Protein backbone atom coordinates (compact mmCIF):
# COMPACT_ATOMS: atom_id res chain seq x y z
CA UNK A 1 8.90 -10.38 49.34
CA UNK A 2 9.14 -8.51 45.67
CA UNK A 3 9.35 -11.47 42.80
CA UNK A 4 11.75 -10.05 39.90
CA UNK A 5 10.52 -9.27 37.21
CA UNK A 6 11.47 -11.30 34.16
CA UNK A 7 12.88 -9.57 31.14
CA UNK A 8 11.03 -9.68 27.91
CA UNK A 9 12.92 -10.34 25.17
CA UNK A 10 12.69 -7.32 22.70
CA UNK A 11 13.93 -9.41 19.31
CA UNK A 12 11.62 -11.21 17.14
CA UNK A 13 14.13 -14.22 17.04
CA UNK A 14 13.73 -14.16 21.02
CA UNK A 15 10.29 -14.28 21.22
CA UNK A 16 9.71 -16.89 18.95
CA UNK A 17 12.68 -19.11 20.75
CA UNK A 18 10.47 -18.68 24.12
CA UNK A 19 7.51 -19.58 22.43
CA UNK A 20 8.51 -22.36 21.10
CA UNK A 21 10.27 -23.22 24.13
CA UNK A 22 7.58 -22.86 26.23
CA UNK A 23 5.15 -25.00 23.50
CA UNK A 24 8.19 -27.44 23.33
CA UNK A 25 8.00 -27.70 27.34
CA UNK A 26 4.29 -27.94 27.60
CA UNK A 27 3.85 -30.78 24.94
CA UNK A 28 6.81 -32.58 26.52
CA UNK A 29 5.79 -32.45 30.13
CA UNK A 30 2.29 -33.36 28.83
CA UNK A 31 3.39 -36.41 27.31
CA UNK A 32 5.95 -37.57 29.75
CA UNK A 33 3.11 -37.34 32.27
CA UNK A 34 1.01 -39.39 29.92
CA UNK A 35 3.90 -41.90 28.89
CA UNK A 36 4.84 -42.35 32.35
CA UNK A 37 1.15 -43.37 33.97
CA UNK A 38 0.48 -45.07 30.68
CA UNK A 39 3.67 -47.01 30.40
CA UNK A 40 3.47 -47.12 33.85
CA UNK A 41 0.44 -49.54 33.85
CA UNK A 42 1.42 -51.43 30.92
CA UNK A 43 4.79 -52.51 32.08
CA UNK A 44 2.98 -53.31 35.60
CA UNK A 45 0.64 -55.21 32.99
CA UNK A 46 3.57 -57.02 31.58
CA UNK A 47 5.26 -57.86 34.78
CA UNK A 48 2.22 -59.30 36.03
CA UNK A 49 2.12 -61.74 32.88
CA UNK A 50 5.68 -62.38 33.25
CA UNK A 51 5.46 -63.41 36.92
CA UNK A 52 2.10 -65.24 36.23
CA UNK A 53 4.18 -67.17 33.55
CA UNK A 54 6.98 -68.20 35.54
CA UNK A 55 4.79 -69.16 38.61
CA UNK A 56 3.15 -71.43 36.25
CA UNK A 57 5.93 -72.82 34.70
CA UNK A 58 7.43 -73.65 38.40
CA UNK A 59 4.44 -75.05 39.44
CA UNK A 60 3.55 -77.28 36.60
CA UNK A 61 7.13 -78.73 36.42
CA UNK A 62 7.33 -82.69 37.45
CA UNK A 63 10.35 -81.74 39.36
CA UNK A 64 9.07 -79.18 41.49
CA UNK A 65 5.94 -81.92 42.57
CA UNK A 66 8.31 -84.45 43.54
CA UNK A 67 10.50 -82.48 45.29
CA UNK A 68 7.51 -81.52 47.17
CA UNK A 69 7.41 -85.09 48.55
CA UNK A 70 10.27 -85.35 49.78
CA UNK A 71 11.50 -84.82 53.53
CA UNK A 72 13.43 -81.65 52.45
CA UNK A 73 11.63 -79.60 49.79
CA UNK A 74 14.30 -76.33 50.59
CA UNK A 75 17.13 -78.82 49.93
CA UNK A 76 15.89 -79.79 46.56
CA UNK A 77 14.21 -76.91 45.06
CA UNK A 78 16.36 -73.90 46.48
CA UNK A 79 19.27 -74.04 43.86
CA UNK A 80 16.18 -74.38 40.96
CA UNK A 81 14.34 -71.56 42.53
CA UNK A 82 17.59 -69.28 42.11
CA UNK A 83 18.22 -70.85 38.50
CA UNK A 84 14.77 -69.93 37.17
CA UNK A 85 14.74 -66.48 38.96
CA UNK A 86 17.96 -65.79 37.20
CA UNK A 87 17.08 -67.39 33.61
CA UNK A 88 13.76 -65.18 33.63
CA UNK A 89 14.34 -62.06 35.10
CA UNK A 90 11.97 -61.98 37.99
CA UNK A 91 13.16 -60.83 41.03
CA UNK A 92 11.86 -63.95 43.13
CA UNK A 93 10.78 -67.19 43.03
CA UNK A 94 9.31 -68.36 46.08
CA UNK A 95 7.99 -72.16 46.64
CA UNK A 96 6.03 -72.79 50.21
CA UNK A 97 3.53 -75.50 51.44
CA UNK A 98 -0.29 -74.78 51.09
CA UNK A 99 -0.04 -72.77 54.94
CA UNK A 100 2.04 -70.32 53.18
CA UNK A 101 5.36 -71.25 54.87
CA UNK A 102 8.34 -70.56 52.42
CA UNK A 103 10.47 -73.41 51.15
CA UNK A 104 12.69 -71.19 48.91
CA UNK A 105 13.42 -67.45 49.05
CA UNK A 106 16.38 -65.21 47.63
CA UNK A 107 17.23 -64.15 50.88
CA UNK A 108 17.82 -67.54 53.21
CA UNK A 109 16.94 -65.89 56.34
CA UNK A 110 13.58 -65.72 55.26
CA UNK A 111 13.08 -69.73 54.39
CA UNK A 112 11.04 -71.12 57.43
CA UNK A 113 8.80 -67.95 58.01
CA UNK A 114 5.27 -67.38 56.28
CA UNK A 115 4.74 -65.86 53.04
CA UNK A 116 3.52 -62.20 53.17
CA UNK A 117 0.93 -61.43 50.62
CA UNK A 118 -2.31 -62.99 49.87
CA UNK A 119 -2.83 -66.69 49.48
CA UNK A 120 -6.36 -67.52 50.21
CA UNK A 121 -7.34 -67.74 46.47
CA UNK A 122 -4.56 -69.89 45.48
CA UNK A 123 -5.22 -72.28 48.62
CA UNK A 124 -8.42 -72.92 46.70
CA UNK A 125 -6.86 -73.12 43.23
CA UNK A 126 -6.86 -70.24 41.73
CA UNK A 127 -4.33 -68.14 40.37
CA UNK A 128 -3.94 -64.51 40.77
CA UNK A 129 -1.82 -61.23 40.78
CA UNK A 130 -1.27 -58.56 43.34
CA UNK A 131 0.98 -55.24 44.04
CA UNK A 132 1.70 -56.39 47.67
CA UNK A 133 4.86 -54.88 49.87
CA UNK A 134 6.77 -57.67 50.98
CA UNK A 135 10.25 -58.21 52.31
CA UNK A 136 12.17 -56.95 49.26
CA UNK A 137 9.91 -53.91 48.97
CA UNK A 138 7.09 -53.09 46.57
CA UNK A 139 6.34 -55.72 43.88
CA UNK A 140 3.90 -57.08 40.77
CA UNK A 141 3.52 -60.83 42.38
CA UNK A 142 1.37 -63.84 40.91
CA UNK A 143 0.70 -66.51 43.15
CA UNK A 144 -0.22 -69.94 41.83
CA UNK A 145 -1.32 -73.61 43.20
CA UNK A 146 0.98 -76.93 42.84
CA UNK A 147 -0.83 -79.99 42.54
CA UNK A 148 0.00 -83.43 43.04
CA UNK A 149 0.42 -85.80 40.42
CA UNK A 150 -2.98 -86.46 40.01
CA UNK A 151 -4.14 -82.94 40.11
CA UNK A 152 -6.93 -83.57 42.56
CA UNK A 153 -5.13 -81.93 45.88
CA UNK A 154 -2.89 -78.51 46.50
CA UNK A 155 0.03 -79.46 47.81
CA UNK A 156 2.10 -76.06 47.35
CA UNK A 157 1.89 -72.92 46.15
CA UNK A 158 4.72 -70.78 43.71
CA UNK A 159 5.18 -67.02 43.84
CA UNK A 160 6.97 -64.91 41.64
CA UNK A 161 7.47 -61.10 41.13
CA UNK A 162 8.84 -58.26 40.02
CA UNK A 163 9.62 -55.14 41.85
CA UNK A 164 8.01 -52.03 41.13
CA UNK A 165 11.11 -50.27 41.81
CA UNK A 166 12.40 -51.66 38.44
CA UNK A 167 9.36 -51.28 36.78
CA UNK A 168 9.74 -47.60 37.51
CA UNK A 169 13.13 -47.54 36.41
CA UNK A 170 12.11 -49.22 32.95
CA UNK A 171 9.55 -45.71 32.70
CA UNK A 172 11.93 -43.36 33.73
CA UNK A 173 14.40 -44.69 30.77
CA UNK A 174 11.98 -43.76 28.38
CA UNK A 175 10.56 -40.52 29.55
CA UNK A 176 14.79 -39.71 29.39
CA UNK A 177 15.10 -40.84 26.20
CA UNK A 178 12.06 -38.60 25.28
CA UNK A 179 13.38 -35.46 27.18
CA UNK A 180 16.49 -35.93 25.26
CA UNK A 181 14.61 -36.08 22.07
CA UNK A 182 12.77 -32.88 23.16
CA UNK A 183 15.96 -30.99 24.01
CA UNK A 184 17.33 -31.93 20.13
CA UNK A 185 14.56 -30.52 18.84
CA UNK A 186 14.72 -27.18 20.62
CA UNK A 187 17.48 -26.59 20.15
CA UNK A 188 16.98 -27.31 16.33
CA UNK A 189 14.37 -25.19 16.86
CA UNK A 190 16.86 -22.36 17.91
CA UNK A 191 18.96 -22.87 14.60
CA UNK A 192 15.87 -22.57 12.74
CA UNK A 193 14.80 -19.29 14.60
CA UNK A 194 18.23 -17.89 14.33
CA UNK A 195 18.16 -18.73 10.35
CA UNK A 196 15.20 -17.69 9.59
CA UNK A 197 15.16 -13.92 11.76
CA UNK A 198 18.48 -13.27 10.58
CA UNK A 199 17.07 -13.68 6.66
CA UNK A 200 13.99 -11.66 8.51
CA UNK A 201 16.46 -8.48 9.45
CA UNK A 202 18.23 -8.78 6.22
CA UNK A 203 14.79 -7.74 4.53
CA UNK A 204 13.46 -5.34 7.30
CA UNK A 205 16.76 -3.43 7.23
CA UNK A 206 17.78 -4.80 10.52
CA UNK A 207 14.43 -3.62 12.54
CA UNK A 208 12.83 -5.32 15.50
CA UNK A 209 8.76 -6.48 15.39
CA UNK A 210 8.34 -2.93 17.54
CA UNK A 211 10.25 -1.17 15.39
CA UNK A 212 8.22 -1.90 12.59
CA UNK A 213 5.16 -1.52 14.19
CA UNK A 214 6.47 2.03 14.95
CA UNK A 215 7.02 2.80 11.77
CA UNK A 216 3.93 1.51 10.24
CA UNK A 217 2.12 3.89 12.58
CA UNK A 218 4.00 6.83 11.36
CA UNK A 219 3.45 5.43 7.84
CA UNK A 220 -0.09 6.20 8.22
CA UNK A 221 0.12 9.02 9.74
CA UNK A 222 2.35 10.68 7.40
CA UNK A 223 0.24 9.08 4.19
CA UNK A 224 -3.09 11.03 5.85
CA UNK A 225 -1.27 13.91 6.90
CA UNK A 226 0.62 15.16 3.63
CA UNK A 227 -1.05 16.74 1.20
CA UNK A 228 0.57 15.82 -1.93
CA UNK A 229 -0.35 12.96 -4.06
CA UNK A 230 1.72 9.22 -3.06
CA UNK A 231 1.18 6.52 -5.52
CA UNK A 232 3.01 3.18 -5.36
CA UNK A 233 2.63 0.90 -7.97
CA UNK A 234 3.83 -2.89 -7.87
CA UNK A 235 6.20 -4.42 -10.87
CA UNK A 236 3.15 -4.91 -13.39
CA UNK A 237 1.90 -1.12 -13.04
CA UNK A 238 -0.91 -2.32 -10.44
CA UNK A 239 -1.82 0.41 -8.06
CA UNK A 240 -0.54 -0.76 -4.35
CA UNK A 241 -0.72 2.14 -2.45
CA UNK A 242 -2.70 5.54 -2.66
CA UNK A 243 -3.19 8.55 -0.18
CA UNK A 244 -5.87 10.56 0.07
CA UNK A 245 -3.81 13.57 -1.56
CA UNK A 246 -3.26 11.31 -4.86
CA UNK A 247 -7.28 10.25 -4.78
CA UNK A 248 -8.43 14.05 -4.53
CA UNK A 249 -5.42 15.02 -7.26
CA UNK A 250 -6.60 12.29 -9.81
CA UNK A 251 -9.68 12.35 -9.22
CA UNK A 252 -10.43 8.76 -8.43
CA UNK A 253 -13.21 7.40 -6.05
CA UNK A 254 -13.65 3.91 -4.53
CA UNK A 255 -11.11 0.82 -3.98
CA UNK A 256 -8.44 0.98 -6.43
CA UNK A 257 -6.05 -1.07 -4.53
CA UNK A 258 -5.14 -4.10 -7.13
CA UNK A 259 -6.39 -2.13 -10.07
CA UNK A 260 -4.26 -1.50 -13.14
CA UNK A 261 -3.00 2.27 -14.32
CA UNK A 262 -4.81 1.97 -17.26
CA UNK A 263 -8.29 1.49 -15.96
CA UNK A 264 -8.14 4.84 -13.66
CA UNK A 265 -9.66 6.93 -16.30
CA UNK A 266 -6.83 9.72 -15.79
CA UNK A 267 -5.88 11.13 -19.53
CA UNK A 268 -4.07 9.43 -21.96
CA UNK A 269 -0.34 11.08 -21.40
CA UNK A 270 -0.63 11.09 -17.51
CA UNK A 271 -0.97 7.44 -18.04
CA UNK A 272 1.74 6.80 -20.33
CA UNK A 273 4.04 8.58 -17.90
CA UNK A 274 2.50 6.50 -15.06
CA UNK A 275 3.39 3.21 -17.19
CA UNK A 276 7.05 4.26 -18.26
CA UNK A 277 9.90 2.22 -16.64
CA UNK A 278 11.56 5.43 -17.11
CA UNK A 279 12.32 7.93 -14.32
CA UNK A 280 10.47 11.32 -14.69
CA UNK A 281 11.31 14.66 -13.00
CA UNK A 282 8.93 17.32 -12.51
CA UNK A 283 6.50 16.75 -15.75
CA UNK A 284 3.36 18.79 -16.08
CA UNK A 285 0.34 16.84 -16.69
CA UNK A 286 -3.04 17.90 -16.76
CA UNK A 287 -6.07 16.34 -15.86
CA UNK A 288 -10.11 17.22 -15.90
CA UNK A 289 -9.74 20.27 -13.43
CA UNK A 290 -5.87 20.41 -12.28
CA UNK A 291 -2.07 21.28 -13.81
CA UNK A 292 -0.03 17.98 -11.89
CA UNK A 293 3.85 17.98 -11.59
CA UNK A 294 4.52 14.46 -11.60
CA UNK A 295 7.43 12.48 -10.31
CA UNK A 296 8.26 8.99 -11.13
CA UNK A 297 10.91 6.67 -9.34
CA UNK A 298 11.28 3.00 -10.06
CA UNK A 299 11.90 0.97 -7.39
CA UNK A 300 14.48 -1.38 -7.87
CA UNK A 301 16.27 -4.04 -6.09
CA UNK A 302 17.99 -6.33 -8.38
CA UNK A 303 14.91 -6.80 -10.37
CA UNK A 304 11.87 -3.96 -10.86
CA UNK A 305 9.84 -3.96 -8.11
CA UNK A 306 7.15 -0.86 -8.88
CA UNK A 307 7.24 2.73 -9.40
CA UNK A 308 6.89 5.41 -7.05
CA UNK A 309 4.96 8.49 -7.72
CA UNK A 310 4.75 11.84 -6.32
CA UNK A 311 2.32 14.20 -7.34
CA UNK A 312 2.06 17.94 -6.45
CA UNK A 313 -0.90 20.10 -7.65
CA UNK A 314 0.26 23.53 -9.27
CA UNK A 315 -3.10 24.59 -10.66
CA UNK A 316 -3.59 27.75 -8.35
CA UNK A 317 0.58 28.47 -9.27
CA UNK A 318 0.06 27.64 -13.26
CA UNK A 319 -2.79 30.58 -13.05
CA UNK A 320 -0.97 32.85 -10.73
CA UNK A 321 2.11 32.47 -13.36
CA UNK A 322 -0.18 33.07 -16.66
CA UNK A 323 -1.25 36.20 -14.65
CA UNK A 324 1.98 37.58 -13.34
CA UNK A 325 3.44 36.77 -17.11
CA UNK A 326 0.36 38.77 -18.25
CA UNK A 327 1.11 41.97 -15.44
CA UNK A 328 5.05 41.27 -16.54
CA UNK A 329 4.17 41.93 -20.22
CA UNK A 330 1.69 45.06 -19.22
CA UNK A 331 4.62 46.12 -17.22
CA UNK A 332 7.04 45.98 -19.95
CA UNK A 333 4.67 47.39 -22.49
CA UNK A 334 3.93 50.34 -20.06
CA UNK A 335 8.00 50.93 -19.75
CA UNK A 336 8.07 51.03 -23.39
CA UNK A 337 5.41 53.33 -23.47
CA UNK A 338 6.67 55.45 -21.05
CA UNK A 339 9.84 55.77 -22.99
CA UNK A 340 7.91 56.63 -26.17
CA UNK A 341 6.22 59.32 -24.24
CA UNK A 342 9.42 60.39 -22.74
CA UNK A 343 10.44 60.76 -26.56
CA UNK A 344 7.39 62.55 -27.82
CA UNK A 345 7.97 64.65 -24.57
CA UNK A 346 11.33 65.70 -25.86
CA UNK A 347 9.79 66.23 -29.35
CA UNK A 348 7.58 68.91 -27.90
CA UNK A 349 10.12 70.56 -25.54
CA UNK A 350 12.50 70.74 -29.00
CA UNK A 351 9.54 72.48 -30.85
CA UNK A 352 9.07 74.65 -27.73
CA UNK A 353 12.64 75.84 -27.69
CA UNK A 354 12.70 75.75 -32.06
CA UNK A 355 9.85 78.54 -31.65
CA UNK A 356 7.44 76.36 -33.17
CA UNK A 357 4.45 76.54 -30.52
CA UNK A 358 1.54 75.86 -32.94
CA UNK A 359 3.41 72.86 -34.47
CA UNK A 360 4.06 71.34 -30.60
CA UNK A 361 0.54 71.95 -29.54
CA UNK A 362 -0.48 70.24 -32.55
CA UNK A 363 1.85 67.07 -32.36
CA UNK A 364 0.97 66.55 -28.13
CA UNK A 365 -2.92 66.76 -29.68
CA UNK A 366 -2.34 64.46 -32.41
CA UNK A 367 -0.59 62.00 -29.81
CA UNK A 368 -2.74 62.40 -26.56
CA UNK A 369 -6.12 61.78 -28.83
CA UNK A 370 -4.43 58.58 -30.25
CA UNK A 371 -3.96 57.18 -27.01
CA UNK A 372 -7.31 58.14 -26.17
CA UNK A 373 -9.08 56.60 -29.17
CA UNK A 374 -7.15 53.23 -28.37
CA UNK A 375 -8.90 53.18 -24.54
CA UNK A 376 -12.19 54.62 -25.53
CA UNK A 377 -12.07 51.78 -28.60
CA UNK A 378 -11.27 48.67 -26.13
CA UNK A 379 -13.57 49.96 -22.79
CA UNK A 380 -16.80 50.91 -25.62
CA UNK A 381 -16.38 47.38 -26.89
CA UNK A 382 -15.74 45.92 -23.61
CA UNK A 383 -16.66 47.29 -20.77
CA UNK A 384 -15.80 44.26 -18.05
CA UNK A 385 -13.08 45.83 -16.41
CA UNK A 386 -11.15 42.36 -15.94
CA UNK A 387 -11.17 42.00 -20.19
CA UNK A 388 -10.75 45.43 -21.02
CA UNK A 389 -7.56 45.64 -18.35
CA UNK A 390 -6.41 42.44 -20.63
CA UNK A 391 -6.87 43.50 -23.73
CA UNK A 392 -5.36 47.06 -23.09
CA UNK A 393 -2.44 45.38 -21.36
CA UNK A 394 -2.18 42.70 -24.43
CA UNK A 395 -2.15 45.81 -27.36
CA UNK A 396 0.57 47.60 -25.90
CA UNK A 397 2.42 44.37 -25.18
CA UNK A 398 1.93 43.49 -29.29
CA UNK A 399 2.08 46.68 -30.56
CA UNK A 400 5.91 45.80 -29.17
CA UNK A 401 6.43 42.95 -31.20
CA UNK A 402 5.17 44.29 -34.29
CA UNK A 403 1.65 43.01 -33.98
CA UNK A 404 -1.79 45.43 -34.22
CA UNK A 405 -4.03 44.13 -31.66
CA UNK A 406 -7.96 44.97 -32.88
CA UNK A 407 -10.80 44.78 -30.90
CA UNK A 408 -13.78 43.86 -33.34
CA UNK A 409 -16.40 46.36 -33.57
CA UNK A 410 -18.72 43.28 -33.09
CA UNK A 411 -17.26 43.06 -29.27
CA UNK A 412 -19.86 44.49 -26.69
CA UNK A 413 -19.96 42.96 -23.30
CA UNK A 414 -21.37 45.20 -20.36
CA UNK A 415 -19.82 45.11 -16.56
CA UNK A 416 -21.97 43.05 -13.70
CA UNK A 417 -22.98 40.40 -16.67
CA UNK A 418 -20.31 37.32 -16.04
CA UNK A 419 -21.81 35.27 -13.41
CA UNK A 420 -19.53 34.59 -10.06
CA UNK A 421 -18.88 31.38 -11.22
CA UNK A 422 -16.81 32.57 -14.42
CA UNK A 423 -13.36 33.65 -12.19
CA UNK A 424 -11.03 36.28 -13.11
CA UNK A 425 -8.82 34.53 -12.80
CA UNK A 426 -10.59 31.58 -15.90
CA UNK A 427 -11.29 34.68 -17.87
CA UNK A 428 -6.94 35.53 -17.87
CA UNK A 429 -6.22 32.03 -18.74
CA UNK A 430 -8.39 31.39 -21.53
CA UNK A 431 -8.37 35.42 -23.34
CA UNK A 432 -4.81 35.60 -22.57
CA UNK A 433 -3.27 32.28 -23.58
CA UNK A 434 -5.29 32.31 -27.08
CA UNK A 435 -4.02 36.30 -27.73
CA UNK A 436 -0.23 35.34 -26.70
CA UNK A 437 -0.73 31.87 -28.89
CA UNK A 438 -2.22 34.29 -31.59
CA UNK A 439 0.81 36.82 -31.58
CA UNK A 440 3.27 34.09 -31.85
CA UNK A 441 1.67 32.99 -34.58
CA UNK A 442 1.11 36.22 -35.90
CA UNK A 443 4.62 38.02 -35.72
CA UNK A 444 6.49 37.75 -38.67
CA UNK A 445 3.86 37.76 -41.06
CA UNK A 446 2.40 40.35 -43.42
CA UNK A 447 0.59 42.74 -41.92
CA UNK A 448 1.22 41.30 -38.86
CA UNK A 449 -2.62 40.89 -36.65
CA UNK A 450 -4.52 39.70 -34.14
CA UNK A 451 -8.00 40.66 -33.76
CA UNK A 452 -10.53 39.83 -30.73
CA UNK A 453 -14.35 39.61 -30.46
CA UNK A 454 -15.75 39.42 -26.87
CA UNK A 455 -19.74 39.30 -26.68
CA UNK A 456 -22.56 37.39 -25.56
CA UNK A 457 -25.41 35.74 -27.59
CA UNK A 458 -28.52 33.70 -26.61
CA UNK A 459 -27.72 30.42 -26.69
CA UNK A 460 -30.55 28.27 -28.92
CA UNK A 461 -33.06 25.60 -26.82
CA UNK A 462 -30.96 26.54 -23.89
CA UNK A 463 -32.87 28.99 -21.06
CA UNK A 464 -29.74 31.79 -20.23
CA UNK A 465 -27.12 32.56 -22.67
CA UNK A 466 -22.97 32.43 -23.98
CA UNK A 467 -19.76 34.13 -23.78
CA UNK A 468 -17.98 34.26 -26.83
CA UNK A 469 -14.78 34.71 -27.13
CA UNK A 470 -12.68 34.84 -30.48
CA UNK A 471 -9.42 35.46 -31.19
CA UNK A 472 -8.02 35.33 -34.71
CA UNK A 473 -4.24 35.92 -36.53
CA UNK A 474 -2.60 36.47 -39.51
CA UNK A 475 -0.21 33.32 -39.01
CA UNK A 476 0.27 30.53 -40.89
CA UNK A 477 -3.06 28.70 -39.65
CA UNK A 478 -3.72 25.19 -37.66
CA UNK A 479 -3.08 22.06 -40.10
CA UNK A 480 -7.25 20.27 -40.18
CA UNK A 481 -5.34 16.94 -38.91
CA UNK A 482 -3.99 18.73 -35.99
CA UNK A 483 -7.55 20.46 -34.87
CA UNK A 484 -7.87 17.99 -31.60
CA UNK A 485 -3.86 17.45 -31.07
CA UNK A 486 -3.17 21.12 -30.94
CA UNK A 487 -5.16 21.32 -27.75
CA UNK A 488 -3.10 18.60 -26.02
CA UNK A 489 -0.15 19.45 -23.15
CA UNK A 490 3.39 19.25 -25.02
CA UNK A 491 2.12 19.85 -28.71
CA UNK A 492 3.87 22.90 -30.48
CA UNK A 493 4.99 24.55 -33.50
CA UNK A 494 7.39 26.41 -31.87
CA UNK A 495 10.72 25.80 -30.47
CA UNK A 496 10.84 24.52 -27.17
CA UNK A 497 12.25 27.14 -24.45
CA UNK A 498 13.46 27.08 -21.33
CA UNK A 499 10.16 26.31 -19.56
CA UNK A 500 8.90 23.92 -22.36
CA UNK A 501 5.95 24.88 -25.27
CA UNK A 502 2.43 23.62 -25.34
CA UNK A 503 1.33 24.06 -22.31
CA UNK A 504 -0.96 27.31 -23.47
CA UNK A 505 -3.80 25.70 -25.31
CA UNK A 506 -4.15 22.59 -22.81
CA UNK A 507 -4.92 25.03 -20.58
CA UNK A 508 -7.08 26.89 -22.27
CA UNK A 509 -9.31 23.65 -22.89
CA UNK A 510 -9.27 22.78 -18.95
CA UNK A 511 -10.58 25.86 -18.24
CA UNK A 512 -13.19 25.51 -20.56
CA UNK A 513 -14.02 21.98 -19.87
CA UNK A 514 -14.19 23.17 -16.51
CA UNK A 515 -17.18 25.72 -17.19
CA UNK A 516 -18.91 22.87 -19.27
CA UNK A 517 -18.18 25.17 -22.53
CA UNK A 518 -16.51 24.66 -25.88
CA UNK A 519 -13.02 25.66 -27.83
CA UNK A 520 -13.28 24.97 -31.30
CA UNK A 521 -10.43 25.67 -34.06
CA UNK A 522 -10.64 26.74 -37.75
CA UNK A 523 -9.37 28.67 -40.57
CA UNK A 524 -9.62 32.51 -40.84
CA UNK A 525 -10.65 34.30 -43.84
CA UNK A 526 -7.37 35.50 -45.76
CA UNK A 527 -4.73 32.94 -44.13
CA UNK A 528 -4.28 32.12 -39.93
CA UNK A 529 -6.53 30.73 -37.63
CA UNK A 530 -9.35 31.93 -35.55
CA UNK A 531 -10.00 29.93 -32.04
CA UNK A 532 -13.63 30.39 -30.48
CA UNK A 533 -15.07 29.71 -27.27
CA UNK A 534 -17.87 29.26 -25.95
CA UNK A 535 -18.88 29.51 -22.25
CA UNK A 536 -22.63 29.05 -21.20
CA UNK A 537 -23.72 31.94 -19.03
CA UNK A 538 -26.16 30.37 -16.64
CA UNK A 539 -29.28 32.12 -15.48
CA UNK A 540 -28.36 35.49 -17.93
CA UNK A 541 -31.69 34.78 -20.30
CA UNK A 542 -31.64 35.97 -23.71
CA UNK A 543 -34.27 38.57 -23.30
CA UNK A 544 -31.74 40.38 -21.08
CA UNK A 545 -30.56 43.54 -22.64
CA UNK A 546 -27.37 42.73 -21.76
CA UNK A 547 -27.53 40.17 -24.14
CA UNK A 548 -26.31 41.46 -27.65
CA UNK A 549 -27.78 40.18 -30.99
CA UNK A 550 -24.40 41.42 -32.83
CA UNK A 551 -21.52 39.14 -33.66
CA UNK A 552 -23.00 36.61 -35.93
CA UNK A 553 -19.77 34.60 -37.72
CA UNK A 554 -19.35 33.14 -40.96
CA UNK A 555 -19.02 29.08 -41.30
CA UNK A 556 -15.10 30.06 -40.91
CA UNK A 557 -15.57 32.18 -37.53
CA UNK A 558 -14.75 35.66 -39.17
CA UNK A 559 -16.60 38.56 -38.07
CA UNK A 560 -19.65 40.52 -39.90
CA UNK A 561 -17.73 43.95 -39.51
CA UNK A 562 -14.82 45.27 -37.87
CA UNK A 563 -11.43 44.10 -38.22
CA UNK A 564 -10.33 41.85 -41.03
CA UNK A 565 -9.95 38.54 -39.36
């Protein structure tokens, strides 16, 4: 026969109630058993003491001694024994002769019959108690001798007893009361469990323990699987949770749970954003090596409970956008050049149609020589292909904006000099942003010009050389008080555009720091600003034929010859 399976309660309240019921049942059963055994033993002892007291009182009564001396003791003792039995609440009082023949008994039919029980010790003058089954059933009885007036001879025996059934009933009444108290405690526990469960379900949004366990498992799996950074702060801006992506993006190690955001060693602007009580949406922040998009959302439920922060890495995206902007500018410059070339071609065609072929040839030759001269100037000065292509594109783009971009004659860099650790993307980020900022600063100034110098030189006391990139402009210059903050994200002297301002120089410094280089700004001769970047080229010695000795600079950073800076 298959035993039906008892369904397990699925809710937390059901489990708590079931546990309480089992616990109370075990406690009550154990206590009831202990109480039954203990109280029964105590009740039997008490019944024995009560029976002994009644039996001795009867045996010491003078009227009993006198009645025993008469010819018909039963006539004198029967009514007395019944009255004593009623007044002392015992079940029987039996008075008998020394041989155990009853003179009194609750049942008159038993009078004159032998007493059922042990009387030998009482016949010898001793009192005792015992549990024996007689005519009234099992009872706890006391047997004591009755002495004559001189207390020299046993003239009778007295036995008083209480039935075991009555004792058991008393114990059962106590156990019943105990069970009633246990039932009340169980009912109170059920009400308390319901109240606690209702409050708990409000806090857990109606989810039971199994659902919470599954959600925790999904939560942990999601935290480790998602590549974006997730940071949770409590109401005191201490780290409550940080996933693997957040640790990687913020560059923190060790156990950070419980630590304040201010103690994580993050850049000041990023720390300020995390400590802000206001919501932040798609803010761009820089760390030592990454560009992060930060979103913060306060957690509130009547009071501020913390902040949820999401972090997205857009370092590569930002670099690609910079390259795309450069390519877009170069494309626009090529489009403009194509337009200019079309105009020149129309001019040549018109001169030929007018019969001035010789002037047409001279005009075309002059334009070709001008374009070739510009290309030869850039390529001869900077033979490194990435920098050469960047400079050519920026030259055409600057000309479109009315700014002359000049590559200094001191520039000298051969192909293959740069190590693999210095990526083309970082070069485009550094030099491209410096030129863009210089063109913006020089635009609209008198004789607007941007001068670019790129060369390598030996580093004093270092086994290797350094790549020097210098960009000077004829703009208004940089206030010396802003020589440091100019490289922080968000600083700009220009109106904010659709995509924001103040990110270019911050990206330049990030790339320079990543390659352990230096970035400085100073006032250029004749006004304007000059930005200088020095990047160490590890493993390229000072005695290498590729290292140029040209390009010495004055204290203001102007070049010794070539274009005016």
